[in-house]
Amino acid sequence: MMTTTELAWFKSSYSGDSSGDCVEVAAAPTTVHVRDSKNTTGPRLTLSPATWSEFVAFASRS
């Protein structure tokens, strides 16, 4: 099983460097992990890939 220290985290290309308000995402085979880029050791969300896909689709319509 993959630990959260082994995950490959990335920021969206839409995240600008000026505000510092960004989330980072790391995909694993059965989960998608989401964290605050300013607090990488803080709380994290863990979502199923299907839930993440639904969220992204919803957010892109806004």
Protein backbone atom coordinates (compact mmCIF):
# COMPACT_ATOMS: atom_id res chain seq x y z
CA MET A 1 0.00 0.00 0.00
CA MET A 2 1.25 3.48 -0.89
CA THR A 3 1.89 5.92 1.96
CA THR A 4 1.16 9.64 1.68
CA THR A 5 4.91 10.38 1.73
CA GLU A 6 5.28 8.41 -1.50
CA LEU A 7 2.60 10.32 -3.38
CA ALA A 8 3.47 12.59 -6.30
CA TRP A 9 1.78 15.90 -5.41
CA PHE A 10 1.05 18.57 -8.02
CA LYS A 11 -0.67 21.95 -8.26
CA SER A 12 -3.10 22.89 -10.97
CA SER A 13 -1.75 24.90 -13.87
CA TYR A 14 -4.53 27.37 -12.99
CA SER A 15 -2.95 28.04 -9.58
CA GLY A 16 -1.02 31.26 -9.66
CA ASP A 17 2.09 31.89 -7.61
CA SER A 18 1.01 35.38 -6.54
CA SER A 19 -1.78 34.61 -4.05
CA GLY A 20 -0.36 31.47 -2.46
CA ASP A 21 -3.88 30.03 -2.17
CA CYS A 22 -3.47 26.65 -3.81
CA VAL A 23 -4.40 23.07 -3.33
CA GLU A 24 -2.24 20.13 -4.30
CA VAL A 25 -3.52 16.81 -5.57
CA ALA A 26 -1.97 13.36 -5.65
CA ALA A 27 -3.64 10.46 -7.42
CA ALA A 28 -3.24 6.87 -6.28
CA PRO A 29 -4.91 3.83 -7.84
CA THR A 30 -7.96 3.87 -5.53
CA THR A 31 -7.88 7.37 -3.99
CA VAL A 32 -7.28 11.00 -4.80
CA HIS A 33 -5.59 13.00 -2.04
CA VAL A 34 -6.06 16.78 -1.68
CA ARG A 35 -4.10 19.12 0.62
CA ASP A 36 -3.36 22.81 1.20
CA SER A 37 -0.08 23.70 -0.51
CA LYS A 38 0.78 26.09 2.35
CA ASN A 39 0.27 23.41 5.02
CA THR A 40 1.54 20.16 3.53
CA THR A 41 1.52 18.35 6.87
CA GLY A 42 -1.99 19.51 7.77
CA PRO A 43 -5.38 17.94 7.16
CA ARG A 44 -6.04 16.18 3.86
CA LEU A 45 -9.08 15.06 1.96
CA THR A 46 -9.18 11.57 0.50
CA LEU A 47 -11.71 10.99 -2.25
CA SER A 48 -12.60 8.16 -4.58
CA PRO A 49 -11.62 8.75 -8.20
CA ALA A 50 -15.31 8.89 -9.15
CA THR A 51 -16.05 11.55 -6.53
CA TRP A 52 -13.00 13.58 -7.62
CA SER A 53 -14.14 13.40 -11.26
CA GLU A 54 -17.61 14.63 -10.30
CA PHE A 55 -16.12 17.50 -8.29
CA VAL A 56 -13.81 18.57 -11.14
CA ALA A 57 -16.68 18.44 -13.63
CA PHE A 58 -18.85 20.55 -11.31
CA ALA A 59 -16.08 23.07 -10.61
CA SER A 60 -15.30 23.50 -14.31
CA ARG A 61 -18.90 24.57 -14.96
CA SER A 62 -18.68 27.39 -12.40
